[in-house]
């Protein structure tokens, strides 16, 4: 039996039984347990199963996440200002990394006609915005498509970003913790964000004022990973003063 057909049988069994055992699958399909383990690892990397000792379970249900279009209209004016200010940092011939999110899309809308610019992004909305602009070179790192939030995530995305180098990375988050941790509510996005932080000479945090009151399930990094913060005039002044005291460039859009 071909590998893809065998893995489909595994998924069918999982749907029917909610859980499968490696030994039972090996006997049923007439292959070794090592082969089944490789199949399960492959399916787990694709987010289709959840590996447990001795077999696999159905993946955990996805948390509710507002769709991209709904997020786009939240604080739209503030995000547009942040996007314009961030775009002004991009120089001729730069290679930049653009993160997932609606503020990154606002930034992209201000990049049209930049000859010699290379944009690397896992943000499909940014791709759609710039794909018709022949002046800009676009690089997509690949990965699992998250249709709800128009993005690419997963180990393929992380691996591709790991081997790239860029002048600037523009990164978004869900919130900034009291301890200056950069937080995100969608844990699937965190590995790619971390890879962007490592790949860039200069990291720019896109964070309108509301982000200073935000929160998140997972920690992306500490504020020390950031060189510049682009925010809005409703950010708490005392927090901005602390950022400046840490040597971080703060720009008010």
C-alpha atoms as a PDB file:
ATOM      1  CA  UNK A   1       0.000   0.000   0.000  1.00  0.00           C
ATOM      2  CA  UNK A   2       1.341   3.445  -0.937  1.00  0.00           C
ATOM      3  CA  UNK A   3       2.284   5.781   1.880  1.00  0.00           C
ATOM      4  CA  UNK A   4      -0.397   8.417   1.276  1.00  0.00           C
ATOM      5  CA  UNK A   5      -3.086   5.755   0.983  1.00  0.00           C
ATOM      6  CA  UNK A   6      -1.848   4.151   4.211  1.00  0.00           C
ATOM      7  CA  UNK A   7      -1.933   7.503   6.008  1.00  0.00           C
ATOM      8  CA  UNK A   8      -5.485   8.081   4.788  1.00  0.00           C
ATOM      9  CA  UNK A   9      -6.486   4.739   6.308  1.00  0.00           C
ATOM     10  CA  UNK A  10      -4.916   5.911   9.563  1.00  0.00           C
ATOM     11  CA  UNK A  11      -6.946   9.134   9.467  1.00  0.00           C
ATOM     12  CA  UNK A  12     -10.146   7.217   8.696  1.00  0.00           C
ATOM     13  CA  UNK A  13      -9.512   4.951  11.681  1.00  0.00           C
ATOM     14  CA  UNK A  14      -8.843   7.979  13.875  1.00  0.00           C
ATOM     15  CA  UNK A  15     -12.110   9.608  12.811  1.00  0.00           C
ATOM     16  CA  UNK A  16     -14.047   6.437  13.602  1.00  0.00           C
ATOM     17  CA  UNK A  17     -12.309   5.594  16.885  1.00  0.00           C
ATOM     18  CA  UNK A  18     -10.956   8.986  18.102  1.00  0.00           C
ATOM     19  CA  UNK A  19      -7.687   7.257  18.931  1.00  0.00           C
ATOM     20  CA  UNK A  20      -5.386   4.683  17.306  1.00  0.00           C
ATOM     21  CA  UNK A  21      -2.638   2.369  18.572  1.00  0.00           C
ATOM     22  CA  UNK A  22       0.617   1.864  16.690  1.00  0.00           C
ATOM     23  CA  UNK A  23       0.683  -1.923  17.161  1.00  0.00           C
ATOM     24  CA  UNK A  24      -2.929  -2.396  16.070  1.00  0.00           C
ATOM     25  CA  UNK A  25      -2.433  -0.281  12.959  1.00  0.00           C
ATOM     26  CA  UNK A  26       0.731  -2.163  12.019  1.00  0.00           C
ATOM     27  CA  UNK A  27      -1.089  -5.493  12.261  1.00  0.00           C
ATOM     28  CA  UNK A  28      -4.119  -4.214  10.366  1.00  0.00           C
ATOM     29  CA  UNK A  29      -2.063  -2.745   7.504  1.00  0.00           C
ATOM     30  CA  UNK A  30       0.585  -5.461   7.388  1.00  0.00           C
ATOM     31  CA  UNK A  31       3.548  -3.144   7.942  1.00  0.00           C
ATOM     32  CA  UNK A  32       6.087  -2.638  10.711  1.00  0.00           C
ATOM     33  CA  UNK A  33       5.415  -0.514  13.782  1.00  0.00           C
ATOM     34  CA  UNK A  34       8.344   1.687  12.719  1.00  0.00           C
ATOM     35  CA  UNK A  35       6.504   2.464   9.465  1.00  0.00           C
ATOM     36  CA  UNK A  36       3.356   3.403  11.367  1.00  0.00           C
ATOM     37  CA  UNK A  37       5.352   5.583  13.745  1.00  0.00           C
ATOM     38  CA  UNK A  38       6.798   7.474  10.759  1.00  0.00           C
ATOM     39  CA  UNK A  39       3.298   7.879   9.334  1.00  0.00           C
ATOM     40  CA  UNK A  40       2.025   9.257  12.627  1.00  0.00           C
ATOM     41  CA  UNK A  41       4.960  11.664  12.912  1.00  0.00           C
ATOM     42  CA  UNK A  42       4.252  12.926   9.405  1.00  0.00           C
ATOM     43  CA  UNK A  43       0.567  13.423  10.180  1.00  0.00           C
ATOM     44  CA  UNK A  44       1.402  15.151  13.475  1.00  0.00           C
ATOM     45  CA  UNK A  45       3.726  17.614  11.719  1.00  0.00           C
ATOM     46  CA  UNK A  46       0.848  18.449   9.381  1.00  0.00           C
ATOM     47  CA  UNK A  47      -1.429  19.072  12.371  1.00  0.00           C
ATOM     48  CA  UNK A  48      -3.740  16.178  11.505  1.00  0.00           C
ATOM     49  CA  UNK A  49      -3.143  14.016  14.585  1.00  0.00           C
ATOM     50  CA  UNK A  50      -1.836  14.439  18.111  1.00  0.00           C
ATOM     51  CA  UNK A  51       0.946  12.013  19.011  1.00  0.00           C
ATOM     52  CA  UNK A  52       0.760  10.179  22.324  1.00  0.00           C
ATOM     53  CA  UNK A  53       2.722   7.254  23.699  1.00  0.00           C
ATOM     54  CA  UNK A  54       1.832   4.131  21.724  1.00  0.00           C
ATOM     55  CA  UNK A  55      -0.330   5.847  19.096  1.00  0.00           C
ATOM     56  CA  UNK A  56      -2.211   9.030  18.291  1.00  0.00           C
ATOM     57  CA  UNK A  57      -5.373  10.982  19.102  1.00  0.00           C
ATOM     58  CA  UNK A  58      -7.459  13.513  17.229  1.00  0.00           C
ATOM     59  CA  UNK A  59      -5.882  16.976  17.201  1.00  0.00           C
ATOM     60  CA  UNK A  60      -7.064  19.382  19.866  1.00  0.00           C
ATOM     61  CA  UNK A  61      -9.851  21.636  18.626  1.00  0.00           C
ATOM     62  CA  UNK A  62      -8.656  25.028  17.414  1.00  0.00           C
ATOM     63  CA  UNK A  63      -9.340  27.963  19.736  1.00  0.00           C
ATOM     64  CA  UNK A  64     -11.799  30.526  18.481  1.00  0.00           C
ATOM     65  CA  UNK A  65      -9.971  33.209  16.553  1.00  0.00           C
ATOM     66  CA  UNK A  66     -11.640  36.130  14.818  1.00  0.00           C
ATOM     67  CA  UNK A  67     -11.142  35.963  11.050  1.00  0.00           C
ATOM     68  CA  UNK A  68      -8.593  38.227   9.399  1.00  0.00           C
ATOM     69  CA  UNK A  69     -11.238  40.523   7.904  1.00  0.00           C
ATOM     70  CA  UNK A  70     -12.831  41.091  11.320  1.00  0.00           C
ATOM     71  CA  UNK A  71      -9.438  41.876  12.912  1.00  0.00           C
ATOM     72  CA  UNK A  72      -8.643  44.251  10.079  1.00  0.00           C
ATOM     73  CA  UNK A  73     -11.376  46.736  11.042  1.00  0.00           C
ATOM     74  CA  UNK A  74     -10.379  46.866  14.728  1.00  0.00           C
ATOM     75  CA  UNK A  75      -8.413  50.095  15.400  1.00  0.00           C
ATOM     76  CA  UNK A  76      -8.003  50.428  11.651  1.00  0.00           C
ATOM     77  CA  UNK A  77      -6.945  54.083  11.768  1.00  0.00           C
ATOM     78  CA  UNK A  78      -4.260  53.411  14.391  1.00  0.00           C
ATOM     79  CA  UNK A  79      -2.937  50.414  12.459  1.00  0.00           C
ATOM     80  CA  UNK A  80      -2.806  52.477   9.278  1.00  0.00           C
ATOM     81  CA  UNK A  81      -0.719  55.144  11.026  1.00  0.00           C
ATOM     82  CA  UNK A  82       1.672  52.523  12.396  1.00  0.00           C
ATOM     83  CA  UNK A  83       1.943  50.983   8.937  1.00  0.00           C
ATOM     84  CA  UNK A  84       2.807  54.295   7.282  1.00  0.00           C
ATOM     85  CA  UNK A  85       5.416  55.169   9.903  1.00  0.00           C
ATOM     86  CA  UNK A  86       7.015  51.725   9.677  1.00  0.00           C
ATOM     87  CA  UNK A  87       7.112  51.834   5.877  1.00  0.00           C
ATOM     88  CA  UNK A  88       9.140  55.046   6.083  1.00  0.00           C
ATOM     89  CA  UNK A  89      11.949  53.004   7.652  1.00  0.00           C
ATOM     90  CA  UNK A  90      12.353  50.831   4.557  1.00  0.00           C
ATOM     91  CA  UNK A  91      15.244  51.836   2.307  1.00  0.00           C
ATOM     92  CA  UNK A  92      16.046  51.215  -1.332  1.00  0.00           C
ATOM     93  CA  UNK A  93      17.279  47.694  -1.952  1.00  0.00           C
ATOM     94  CA  UNK A  94      16.327  46.420   1.503  1.00  0.00           C
ATOM     95  CA  UNK A  95      15.269  42.873   2.251  1.00  0.00           C
ATOM     96  CA  UNK A  96      12.503  42.907   4.845  1.00  0.00           C
ATOM     97  CA  UNK A  97      10.500  40.325   6.774  1.00  0.00           C
ATOM     98  CA  UNK A  98       6.794  41.012   7.208  1.00  0.00           C
ATOM     99  CA  UNK A  99       4.927  39.122   9.911  1.00  0.00           C
ATOM    100  CA  UNK A 100       1.397  37.784  10.031  1.00  0.00           C
ATOM    101  CA  UNK A 101      -1.280  40.290  10.969  1.00  0.00           C
ATOM    102  CA  UNK A 102      -3.375  43.248   9.897  1.00  0.00           C
ATOM    103  CA  UNK A 103      -0.860  45.964  10.820  1.00  0.00           C
ATOM    104  CA  UNK A 104       1.704  44.322   8.548  1.00  0.00           C
ATOM    105  CA  UNK A 105      -0.862  44.571   5.747  1.00  0.00           C
ATOM    106  CA  UNK A 106      -1.177  48.297   6.377  1.00  0.00           C
ATOM    107  CA  UNK A 107       2.600  48.566   6.105  1.00  0.00           C
ATOM    108  CA  UNK A 108       2.596  46.648   2.814  1.00  0.00           C
ATOM    109  CA  UNK A 109       0.097  49.079   1.330  1.00  0.00           C
ATOM    110  CA  UNK A 110       2.756  51.774   1.662  1.00  0.00           C
ATOM    111  CA  UNK A 111       5.488  49.840  -0.135  1.00  0.00           C
ATOM    112  CA  UNK A 112       4.201  49.953  -3.698  1.00  0.00           C
ATOM    113  CA  UNK A 113       6.710  51.009  -6.342  1.00  0.00           C
ATOM    114  CA  UNK A 114       9.808  50.443  -4.186  1.00  0.00           C
ATOM    115  CA  UNK A 115      12.214  49.227  -6.872  1.00  0.00           C
ATOM    116  CA  UNK A 116      14.799  46.728  -5.632  1.00  0.00           C
ATOM    117  CA  UNK A 117      12.839  45.885  -2.477  1.00  0.00           C
ATOM    118  CA  UNK A 118      12.549  42.232  -1.418  1.00  0.00           C
ATOM    119  CA  UNK A 119       9.673  41.279   0.888  1.00  0.00           C
ATOM    120  CA  UNK A 120       9.722  37.929   2.673  1.00  0.00           C
ATOM    121  CA  UNK A 121       6.381  37.160   4.296  1.00  0.00           C
ATOM    122  CA  UNK A 122       4.165  34.386   5.615  1.00  0.00           C
ATOM    123  CA  UNK A 123       1.240  36.806   5.498  1.00  0.00           C
ATOM    124  CA  UNK A 124      -0.979  35.840   2.563  1.00  0.00           C
ATOM    125  CA  UNK A 125      -2.816  39.171   2.730  1.00  0.00           C
ATOM    126  CA  UNK A 126       0.526  40.936   2.194  1.00  0.00           C
ATOM    127  CA  UNK A 127       1.252  38.603  -0.715  1.00  0.00           C
ATOM    128  CA  UNK A 128      -2.124  39.446  -2.277  1.00  0.00           C
ATOM    129  CA  UNK A 129      -1.439  43.159  -1.805  1.00  0.00           C
ATOM    130  CA  UNK A 130       2.013  43.126  -3.443  1.00  0.00           C
ATOM    131  CA  UNK A 131       1.861  40.293  -5.972  1.00  0.00           C
ATOM    132  CA  UNK A 132       0.893  42.595  -8.842  1.00  0.00           C
ATOM    133  CA  UNK A 133       3.716  45.068  -8.114  1.00  0.00           C
ATOM    134  CA  UNK A 134       6.551  44.119 -10.462  1.00  0.00           C
ATOM    135  CA  UNK A 135       8.956  46.487  -8.691  1.00  0.00           C
ATOM    136  CA  UNK A 136       8.997  44.286  -5.577  1.00  0.00           C
ATOM    137  CA  UNK A 137      10.460  40.802  -5.242  1.00  0.00           C
ATOM    138  CA  UNK A 138       8.256  38.551  -3.113  1.00  0.00           C
ATOM    139  CA  UNK A 139       9.411  35.473  -1.186  1.00  0.00           C
ATOM    140  CA  UNK A 140       6.949  33.066   0.457  1.00  0.00           C
ATOM    141  CA  UNK A 141       8.557  30.651   2.958  1.00  0.00           C
ATOM    142  CA  UNK A 142       5.919  27.921   2.588  1.00  0.00           C
ATOM    143  CA  UNK A 143       4.077  26.091   5.340  1.00  0.00           C
ATOM    144  CA  UNK A 144       0.609  25.088   6.445  1.00  0.00           C
ATOM    145  CA  UNK A 145      -2.095  27.477   5.206  1.00  0.00           C
ATOM    146  CA  UNK A 146      -4.271  28.925   7.979  1.00  0.00           C
ATOM    147  CA  UNK A 147      -7.208  30.105   5.909  1.00  0.00           C
ATOM    148  CA  UNK A 148      -8.967  31.869   8.759  1.00  0.00           C
ATOM    149  CA  UNK A 149      -6.060  34.222   9.309  1.00  0.00           C
ATOM    150  CA  UNK A 150      -4.574  34.199   5.787  1.00  0.00           C
ATOM    151  CA  UNK A 151      -1.158  33.012   6.886  1.00  0.00           C
ATOM    152  CA  UNK A 152       1.486  30.303   6.616  1.00  0.00           C
ATOM    153  CA  UNK A 153       2.693  28.525   9.755  1.00  0.00           C
ATOM    154  CA  UNK A 154       4.440  25.342  10.848  1.00  0.00           C
ATOM    155  CA  UNK A 155       7.870  23.771  10.658  1.00  0.00           C
ATOM    156  CA  UNK A 156       8.264  24.460   6.921  1.00  0.00           C
ATOM    157  CA  UNK A 157       7.791  28.184   7.545  1.00  0.00           C
ATOM    158  CA  UNK A 158      10.200  28.180  10.475  1.00  0.00           C
ATOM    159  CA  UNK A 159      12.870  26.192   8.610  1.00  0.00           C
ATOM    160  CA  UNK A 160      12.722  28.500   5.579  1.00  0.00           C
ATOM    161  CA  UNK A 161      13.011  31.643   7.697  1.00  0.00           C
ATOM    162  CA  UNK A 162      15.900  30.167   9.658  1.00  0.00           C
ATOM    163  CA  UNK A 163      18.219  30.202   6.610  1.00  0.00           C
ATOM    164  CA  UNK A 164      17.336  33.755   5.495  1.00  0.00           C
ATOM    165  CA  UNK A 165      18.867  37.097   6.426  1.00  0.00           C
ATOM    166  CA  UNK A 166      17.139  40.483   6.228  1.00  0.00           C
ATOM    167  CA  UNK A 167      17.837  44.131   6.962  1.00  0.00           C
ATOM    168  CA  UNK A 168      14.566  44.630   8.818  1.00  0.00           C
ATOM    169  CA  UNK A 169      11.896  42.478  10.432  1.00  0.00           C
ATOM    170  CA  UNK A 170       8.486  43.994  11.156  1.00  0.00           C
ATOM    171  CA  UNK A 171       6.831  41.837  13.812  1.00  0.00           C
ATOM    172  CA  UNK A 172       3.404  42.019  15.422  1.00  0.00           C
ATOM    173  CA  UNK A 173       2.139  40.606  18.719  1.00  0.00           C
ATOM    174  CA  UNK A 174      -1.050  40.302  20.754  1.00  0.00           C
ATOM    175  CA  UNK A 175       0.244  42.174  23.779  1.00  0.00           C
ATOM    176  CA  UNK A 176       3.188  43.369  25.838  1.00  0.00           C
ATOM    177  CA  UNK A 177       3.409  41.886  29.328  1.00  0.00           C
ATOM    178  CA  UNK A 178       4.150  43.787  32.513  1.00  0.00           C
ATOM    179  CA  UNK A 179       7.572  42.105  32.476  1.00  0.00           C
ATOM    180  CA  UNK A 180       8.109  43.302  28.878  1.00  0.00           C
ATOM    181  CA  UNK A 181       7.479  39.870  27.397  1.00  0.00           C
ATOM    182  CA  UNK A 182       6.171  39.936  23.832  1.00  0.00           C
ATOM    183  CA  UNK A 183       3.025  37.788  23.913  1.00  0.00           C
ATOM    184  CA  UNK A 184       0.837  36.156  21.289  1.00  0.00           C
ATOM    185  CA  UNK A 185      -2.489  34.393  21.613  1.00  0.00           C
ATOM    186  CA  UNK A 186      -1.940  32.079  18.625  1.00  0.00           C
ATOM    187  CA  UNK A 187       0.815  29.649  19.577  1.00  0.00           C
ATOM    188  CA  UNK A 188       1.034  28.276  16.030  1.00  0.00           C
ATOM    189  CA  UNK A 189       2.475  31.623  14.915  1.00  0.00           C
ATOM    190  CA  UNK A 190       5.183  31.914  17.574  1.00  0.00           C
ATOM    191  CA  UNK A 191       7.952  29.772  15.960  1.00  0.00           C
ATOM    192  CA  UNK A 192       7.869  31.862  12.772  1.00  0.00           C
ATOM    193  CA  UNK A 193       7.967  35.091  14.786  1.00  0.00           C
ATOM    194  CA  UNK A 194      11.015  33.866  16.686  1.00  0.00           C
ATOM    195  CA  UNK A 195      12.712  32.894  13.425  1.00  0.00           C
ATOM    196  CA  UNK A 196      12.103  36.410  12.072  1.00  0.00           C
ATOM    197  CA  UNK A 197      13.644  37.957  15.172  1.00  0.00           C
ATOM    198  CA  UNK A 198      16.787  35.873  14.650  1.00  0.00           C
ATOM    199  CA  UNK A 199      16.995  36.534  10.905  1.00  0.00           C
ATOM    200  CA  UNK A 200      16.960  40.344  10.935  1.00  0.00           C
ATOM    201  CA  UNK A 201      19.679  42.889  11.587  1.00  0.00           C
ATOM    202  CA  UNK A 202      17.074  45.314  12.958  1.00  0.00           C
ATOM    203  CA  UNK A 203      13.751  44.291  14.555  1.00  0.00           C
ATOM    204  CA  UNK A 204      10.780  46.649  14.500  1.00  0.00           C
ATOM    205  CA  UNK A 205       7.801  45.916  16.751  1.00  0.00           C
ATOM    206  CA  UNK A 206       4.471  47.046  15.292  1.00  0.00           C
ATOM    207  CA  UNK A 207       2.371  47.787  18.381  1.00  0.00           C
ATOM    208  CA  UNK A 208      -0.386  50.373  18.473  1.00  0.00           C
ATOM    209  CA  UNK A 209      -1.220  51.723  21.912  1.00  0.00           C
ATOM    210  CA  UNK A 210      -3.741  48.975  22.707  1.00  0.00           C
ATOM    211  CA  UNK A 211      -0.991  46.342  22.628  1.00  0.00           C
ATOM    212  CA  UNK A 212       0.401  47.714  25.888  1.00  0.00           C
ATOM    213  CA  UNK A 213      -2.790  46.503  27.560  1.00  0.00           C
ATOM    214  CA  UNK A 214      -2.972  43.231  25.624  1.00  0.00           C
ATOM    215  CA  UNK A 215      -2.157  39.702  26.664  1.00  0.00           C
ATOM    216  CA  UNK A 216      -1.304  36.375  25.085  1.00  0.00           C
ATOM    217  CA  UNK A 217      -1.045  32.670  25.727  1.00  0.00           C
ATOM    218  CA  UNK A 218       2.573  32.268  24.652  1.00  0.00           C
ATOM    219  CA  UNK A 219       5.811  34.208  25.035  1.00  0.00           C
ATOM    220  CA  UNK A 220       7.513  35.105  21.764  1.00  0.00           C
ATOM    221  CA  UNK A 221      10.588  36.828  23.231  1.00  0.00           C
ATOM    222  CA  UNK A 222      11.673  39.585  25.573  1.00  0.00           C
ATOM    223  CA  UNK A 223      11.687  43.261  24.658  1.00  0.00           C
ATOM    224  CA  UNK A 224      15.490  43.082  24.413  1.00  0.00           C
ATOM    225  CA  UNK A 225      15.002  41.410  21.028  1.00  0.00           C
ATOM    226  CA  UNK A 226      13.543  44.661  19.652  1.00  0.00           C
ATOM    227  CA  UNK A 227      15.427  47.702  18.343  1.00  0.00           C
ATOM    228  CA  UNK A 228      12.500  49.969  17.417  1.00  0.00           C
ATOM    229  CA  UNK A 229       8.863  50.176  18.549  1.00  0.00           C
ATOM    230  CA  UNK A 230       6.341  51.922  16.301  1.00  0.00           C
ATOM    231  CA  UNK A 231       3.216  52.797  18.261  1.00  0.00           C
ATOM    232  CA  UNK A 232       0.464  55.390  18.586  1.00  0.00           C
ATOM    233  CA  UNK A 233      -0.115  58.376  20.855  1.00  0.00           C
ATOM    234  CA  UNK A 234      -2.528  56.471  23.097  1.00  0.00           C
ATOM    235  CA  UNK A 235       0.263  54.212  24.401  1.00  0.00           C
ATOM    236  CA  UNK A 236       0.968  54.712  28.148  1.00  0.00           C
ATOM    237  CA  UNK A 237       3.657  57.441  28.471  1.00  0.00           C
ATOM    238  CA  UNK A 238       5.361  55.803  31.438  1.00  0.00           C
ATOM    239  CA  UNK A 239       5.847  52.590  29.489  1.00  0.00           C
ATOM    240  CA  UNK A 240       7.260  54.480  26.519  1.00  0.00           C
ATOM    241  CA  UNK A 241       9.677  56.235  28.869  1.00  0.00           C
ATOM    242  CA  UNK A 242      10.824  52.822  30.156  1.00  0.00           C
ATOM    243  CA  UNK A 243      11.416  51.638  26.600  1.00  0.00           C
ATOM    244  CA  UNK A 244      13.548  54.678  25.833  1.00  0.00           C
ATOM    245  CA  UNK A 245      15.489  54.134  29.050  1.00  0.00           C
ATOM    246  CA  UNK A 246      16.332  50.651  27.782  1.00  0.00           C
ATOM    247  CA  UNK A 247      17.813  52.164  24.624  1.00  0.00           C
ATOM    248  CA  UNK A 248      14.914  51.251  22.361  1.00  0.00           C
ATOM    249  CA  UNK A 249      13.971  53.681  19.600  1.00  0.00           C
ATOM    250  CA  UNK A 250      10.294  54.659  20.060  1.00  0.00           C
ATOM    251  CA  UNK A 251       8.401  56.202  17.169  1.00  0.00           C
ATOM    252  CA  UNK A 252       4.913  57.642  17.565  1.00  0.00           C
ATOM    253  CA  UNK A 253       2.740  57.332  14.480  1.00  0.00           C
END
